[in-house]
Amino acid sequence: MLEIQELVRLMFPSILQTLYMVFVSTLFTILLGMPLGIILVTTSKGHIMENSTIYEALSYIVNIGRSLPFVILMIFIFPFTRLLVGTSIGTNAAIVPLVVAAIPFFARVVETSLLEVDSGLIEAALSMGAGEYEIITRVLIPESLASLVLGITITIINILGYSAMAGAVGGGGIGDLAIRYGYHRFQTNVMIGTVVLLILMVQIIQTLGNTLSKKLNTK
């Protein structure tokens, strides 16, 4: 069993690595997944940019992305990861599969949130001469903001879970610490500590997301 000081010394850099992976991955997931979700909604049947070909193609790709287990996806895209960051091992390398895995999930979250917007608001905007861009930026996104915040919260928690699994193939972070010390070296207190840390991080993220969503809902 490791002493408390040694345990803290090991955990601190792992926590920083995990926070770095989650933050950067979430940023890229939102930047890439949000437009994808918007396109899925607006090109769906009866919407402002209805296009069944685009919708079906994107929906099919998103479904494929969501059906792949993260560990398999991470290994499968090793060549792509090396092409982007020059290596398939380490914290920066882990961000690539984290983003690739999270984008399809977040796109569906965005799609669900935007579809909750009252169609009457869209029709009213169209009758006043609003264009497609205006409807997206002034109706769809503002009206679904509280729901989107909850969706982002769920996505961050998913990415956190993925980042722990990334430790299985040298991705660094809390998952890597749990495997190297908790599993391979049978350090029970390390395993317990990493589990407690992940639980605390999830609780904090969920609480912050719920609080922000409620504030947006009351406006």
Protein backbone atom coordinates (compact mmCIF):
# COMPACT_ATOMS: atom_id res chain seq x y z
CA MET A 1 0.00 0.00 0.00
CA LEU A 2 1.28 3.44 -0.94
CA GLU A 3 1.53 6.16 1.70
CA ILE A 4 -0.81 9.15 1.44
CA GLN A 5 1.95 11.55 0.35
CA GLU A 6 3.14 9.17 -2.37
CA LEU A 7 -0.44 8.60 -3.50
CA VAL A 8 -1.07 12.35 -3.80
CA ARG A 9 2.23 12.79 -5.66
CA LEU A 10 1.16 10.18 -8.20
CA MET A 11 -2.42 11.41 -8.56
CA PHE A 12 -1.77 15.13 -9.03
CA PRO A 13 -0.16 14.93 -12.51
CA SER A 14 -2.73 12.30 -13.55
CA ILE A 15 -5.58 14.63 -12.58
CA LEU A 16 -4.02 17.46 -14.60
CA GLN A 17 -3.61 15.16 -17.61
CA THR A 18 -7.26 14.07 -17.36
CA LEU A 19 -8.53 17.65 -17.04
CA TYR A 20 -6.41 18.65 -20.05
CA MET A 21 -7.74 15.78 -22.16
CA VAL A 22 -11.34 16.43 -21.18
CA PHE A 23 -11.16 20.20 -21.71
CA VAL A 24 -9.49 20.09 -25.13
CA SER A 25 -11.61 17.16 -26.31
CA THR A 26 -14.82 18.89 -25.20
CA LEU A 27 -13.80 22.09 -27.00
CA PHE A 28 -13.21 20.30 -30.31
CA THR A 29 -16.29 18.13 -29.84
CA ILE A 30 -18.51 21.20 -29.49
CA LEU A 31 -16.86 23.01 -32.41
CA LEU A 32 -17.32 20.02 -34.72
CA GLY A 33 -20.37 18.29 -33.25
CA MET A 34 -22.60 21.35 -32.96
CA PRO A 35 -22.63 22.12 -36.74
CA LEU A 36 -23.18 18.43 -37.45
CA GLY A 37 -26.17 18.31 -35.09
CA ILE A 38 -27.61 21.49 -36.60
CA ILE A 39 -27.31 20.05 -40.11
CA LEU A 40 -29.02 16.84 -38.97
CA VAL A 41 -31.96 18.86 -37.67
CA THR A 42 -32.32 21.41 -40.46
CA THR A 43 -32.05 18.83 -43.26
CA SER A 44 -34.56 16.47 -41.66
CA LYS A 45 -38.04 15.99 -43.10
CA GLY A 46 -40.19 19.11 -42.93
CA HIS A 47 -37.45 21.38 -41.61
CA ILE A 48 -36.05 24.62 -43.04
CA MET A 49 -33.35 22.98 -45.21
CA GLU A 50 -34.99 19.63 -45.88
CA ASN A 51 -32.65 17.35 -47.82
CA SER A 52 -33.17 13.62 -47.37
CA THR A 53 -29.91 12.67 -49.10
CA ILE A 54 -27.72 14.75 -46.79
CA TYR A 55 -29.72 13.77 -43.72
CA GLU A 56 -29.63 10.03 -44.40
CA ALA A 57 -25.89 10.08 -45.24
CA LEU A 58 -24.93 12.02 -42.12
CA SER A 59 -27.30 10.01 -39.92
CA TYR A 60 -25.74 6.79 -41.19
CA ILE A 61 -22.21 8.03 -40.47
CA VAL A 62 -23.20 9.21 -36.98
CA ASN A 63 -24.81 5.85 -36.21
CA ILE A 64 -21.64 4.02 -37.26
CA GLY A 65 -19.54 6.29 -35.05
CA ARG A 66 -21.80 5.68 -32.06
CA SER A 67 -21.86 1.91 -32.52
CA LEU A 68 -18.09 1.42 -32.12
CA PRO A 69 -16.79 0.71 -28.58
CA PHE A 70 -14.26 3.37 -27.59
CA VAL A 71 -11.30 1.02 -27.08
CA ILE A 72 -11.80 -0.55 -30.52
CA LEU A 73 -12.22 2.88 -32.12
CA MET A 74 -9.07 4.16 -30.44
CA ILE A 75 -6.99 1.27 -31.77
CA PHE A 76 -8.64 1.40 -35.20
CA ILE A 77 -7.70 5.04 -35.78
CA PHE A 78 -4.07 4.73 -34.58
CA PRO A 79 -2.79 5.58 -38.10
CA PHE A 80 -4.99 8.68 -38.23
CA THR A 81 -3.81 9.70 -34.75
CA ARG A 82 -0.16 9.33 -35.76
CA LEU A 83 -0.84 11.40 -38.87
CA LEU A 84 -2.29 14.25 -36.80
CA VAL A 85 -0.03 14.34 -33.73
CA GLY A 86 2.96 12.21 -34.75
CA THR A 87 2.34 9.48 -32.17
CA SER A 88 -0.40 7.15 -30.97
CA ILE A 89 0.70 7.16 -27.31
CA GLY A 90 0.35 9.90 -24.73
CA THR A 91 -2.12 12.55 -23.62
CA ASN A 92 -2.17 14.54 -26.87
CA ALA A 93 -2.64 11.36 -28.89
CA ALA A 94 -5.57 10.32 -26.69
CA ILE A 95 -7.42 13.54 -27.54
CA VAL A 96 -7.89 12.46 -31.18
CA PRO A 97 -9.96 9.31 -30.48
CA LEU A 98 -11.75 11.11 -27.64
CA VAL A 99 -12.99 13.75 -30.10
CA VAL A 100 -13.80 11.22 -32.82
CA ALA A 101 -15.83 9.14 -30.34
CA ALA A 102 -17.61 12.12 -28.77
CA ILE A 103 -18.66 13.97 -31.95
CA PRO A 104 -21.37 11.47 -33.05
CA PHE A 105 -22.75 11.33 -29.51
CA PHE A 106 -22.85 15.10 -29.15
CA ALA A 107 -24.35 15.54 -32.62
CA ARG A 108 -27.32 13.40 -31.56
CA VAL A 109 -27.59 15.36 -28.31
CA VAL A 110 -27.72 18.61 -30.28
CA GLU A 111 -30.26 17.12 -32.68
CA THR A 112 -32.53 16.06 -29.80
CA SER A 113 -32.27 19.47 -28.12
CA LEU A 114 -33.03 21.44 -31.27
CA LEU A 115 -35.97 19.22 -32.20
CA GLU A 116 -37.60 20.20 -28.89
CA VAL A 117 -37.98 23.79 -30.12
CA ASP A 118 -41.63 24.62 -30.82
CA SER A 119 -42.25 24.48 -34.56
CA GLY A 120 -44.61 27.44 -34.15
CA LEU A 121 -41.64 29.67 -33.31
CA ILE A 122 -39.89 28.58 -36.50
CA GLU A 123 -42.99 29.21 -38.58
CA ALA A 124 -43.40 32.65 -37.01
CA ALA A 125 -39.80 33.51 -37.83
CA LEU A 126 -40.25 32.34 -41.41
CA SER A 127 -43.41 34.42 -41.79
CA MET A 128 -41.43 37.50 -40.71
CA GLY A 129 -38.88 36.86 -43.43
CA ALA A 130 -36.12 35.29 -41.35
CA GLY A 131 -33.53 33.35 -43.32
CA GLU A 132 -32.08 29.96 -42.49
CA TYR A 133 -29.06 31.38 -40.67
CA GLU A 134 -31.25 33.70 -38.60
CA ILE A 135 -33.57 30.87 -37.61
CA ILE A 136 -30.62 28.78 -36.48
CA THR A 137 -28.89 31.55 -34.52
CA ARG A 138 -31.90 33.46 -33.21
CA VAL A 139 -34.51 30.74 -32.72
CA LEU A 140 -33.15 27.19 -32.58
CA ILE A 141 -30.01 27.73 -30.48
CA PRO A 142 -31.36 30.36 -28.02
CA GLU A 143 -34.59 28.41 -27.42
CA SER A 144 -32.75 25.15 -26.76
CA LEU A 145 -29.82 26.60 -24.78
CA ALA A 146 -30.79 25.10 -21.42
CA SER A 147 -31.17 21.66 -23.00
CA LEU A 148 -27.88 22.09 -24.87
CA VAL A 149 -26.09 22.85 -21.61
CA LEU A 150 -27.37 19.58 -20.14
CA GLY A 151 -26.28 17.83 -23.34
CA ILE A 152 -22.80 19.30 -23.07
CA THR A 153 -22.69 18.20 -19.43
CA ILE A 154 -23.52 14.61 -20.39
CA THR A 155 -20.96 14.76 -23.18
CA ILE A 156 -18.22 15.96 -20.80
CA ILE A 157 -18.99 13.08 -18.44
CA ASN A 158 -18.82 10.63 -21.35
CA ILE A 159 -15.48 12.08 -22.43
CA LEU A 160 -14.24 11.73 -18.85
CA GLY A 161 -15.19 8.05 -18.94
CA TYR A 162 -13.51 7.63 -22.33
CA SER A 163 -10.34 9.32 -21.02
CA ALA A 164 -10.13 6.76 -18.22
CA MET A 165 -10.29 3.97 -20.82
CA ALA A 166 -7.58 5.71 -22.86
CA GLY A 167 -5.18 4.82 -20.05
CA ALA A 168 -5.38 1.19 -21.20
CA VAL A 169 -3.25 2.03 -24.25
CA GLY A 170 -0.92 4.62 -22.77
CA GLY A 171 -3.22 7.63 -22.96
CA GLY A 172 -2.17 8.94 -19.57
CA GLY A 173 -4.43 10.43 -16.94
CA ILE A 174 -6.33 8.80 -14.09
CA GLY A 175 -7.08 5.64 -16.09
CA ASP A 176 -3.39 5.08 -16.79
CA LEU A 177 -2.58 5.49 -13.09
CA ALA A 178 -5.29 3.01 -12.12
CA ILE A 179 -4.00 0.40 -14.56
CA ARG A 180 -0.27 0.82 -13.86
CA TYR A 181 -0.49 0.94 -10.06
CA GLY A 182 -3.94 -0.27 -9.09
CA TYR A 183 -4.11 -3.25 -11.47
CA HIS A 184 -0.57 -4.27 -12.44
CA ARG A 185 1.02 -3.56 -9.04
CA PHE A 186 -1.99 -4.50 -6.92
CA GLN A 187 -2.05 -1.15 -5.09
CA THR A 188 -5.60 -1.24 -3.79
CA ASN A 189 -5.53 2.27 -2.36
CA VAL A 190 -4.57 3.67 -5.79
CA MET A 191 -7.52 1.91 -7.40
CA ILE A 192 -9.90 3.15 -4.71
CA GLY A 193 -8.47 6.67 -4.96
CA THR A 194 -8.95 6.84 -8.73
CA VAL A 195 -12.53 5.59 -8.47
CA VAL A 196 -13.34 8.18 -5.79
CA LEU A 197 -11.73 10.91 -7.92
CA LEU A 198 -13.78 10.00 -10.97
CA ILE A 199 -16.98 9.91 -8.92
CA LEU A 200 -16.22 13.36 -7.46
CA MET A 201 -15.41 14.81 -10.88
CA VAL A 202 -18.66 13.47 -12.36
CA GLN A 203 -20.68 14.87 -9.44
CA ILE A 204 -19.08 18.30 -9.76
CA ILE A 205 -19.58 18.43 -13.54
CA GLN A 206 -23.20 17.29 -13.30
CA THR A 207 -24.00 19.75 -10.51
CA LEU A 208 -22.49 22.69 -12.41
CA GLY A 209 -24.33 21.67 -15.59
CA ASN A 210 -27.67 21.33 -13.80
CA THR A 211 -27.24 24.68 -12.06
CA LEU A 212 -26.39 26.52 -15.27
CA SER A 213 -29.25 24.86 -17.15
CA LYS A 214 -31.76 25.87 -14.47
CA LYS A 215 -30.56 29.47 -14.58
CA LEU A 216 -30.97 29.55 -18.36
CA ASN A 217 -34.44 28.01 -18.05
CA THR A 218 -35.64 30.75 -15.73
CA LYS A 219 -34.64 33.58 -18.10
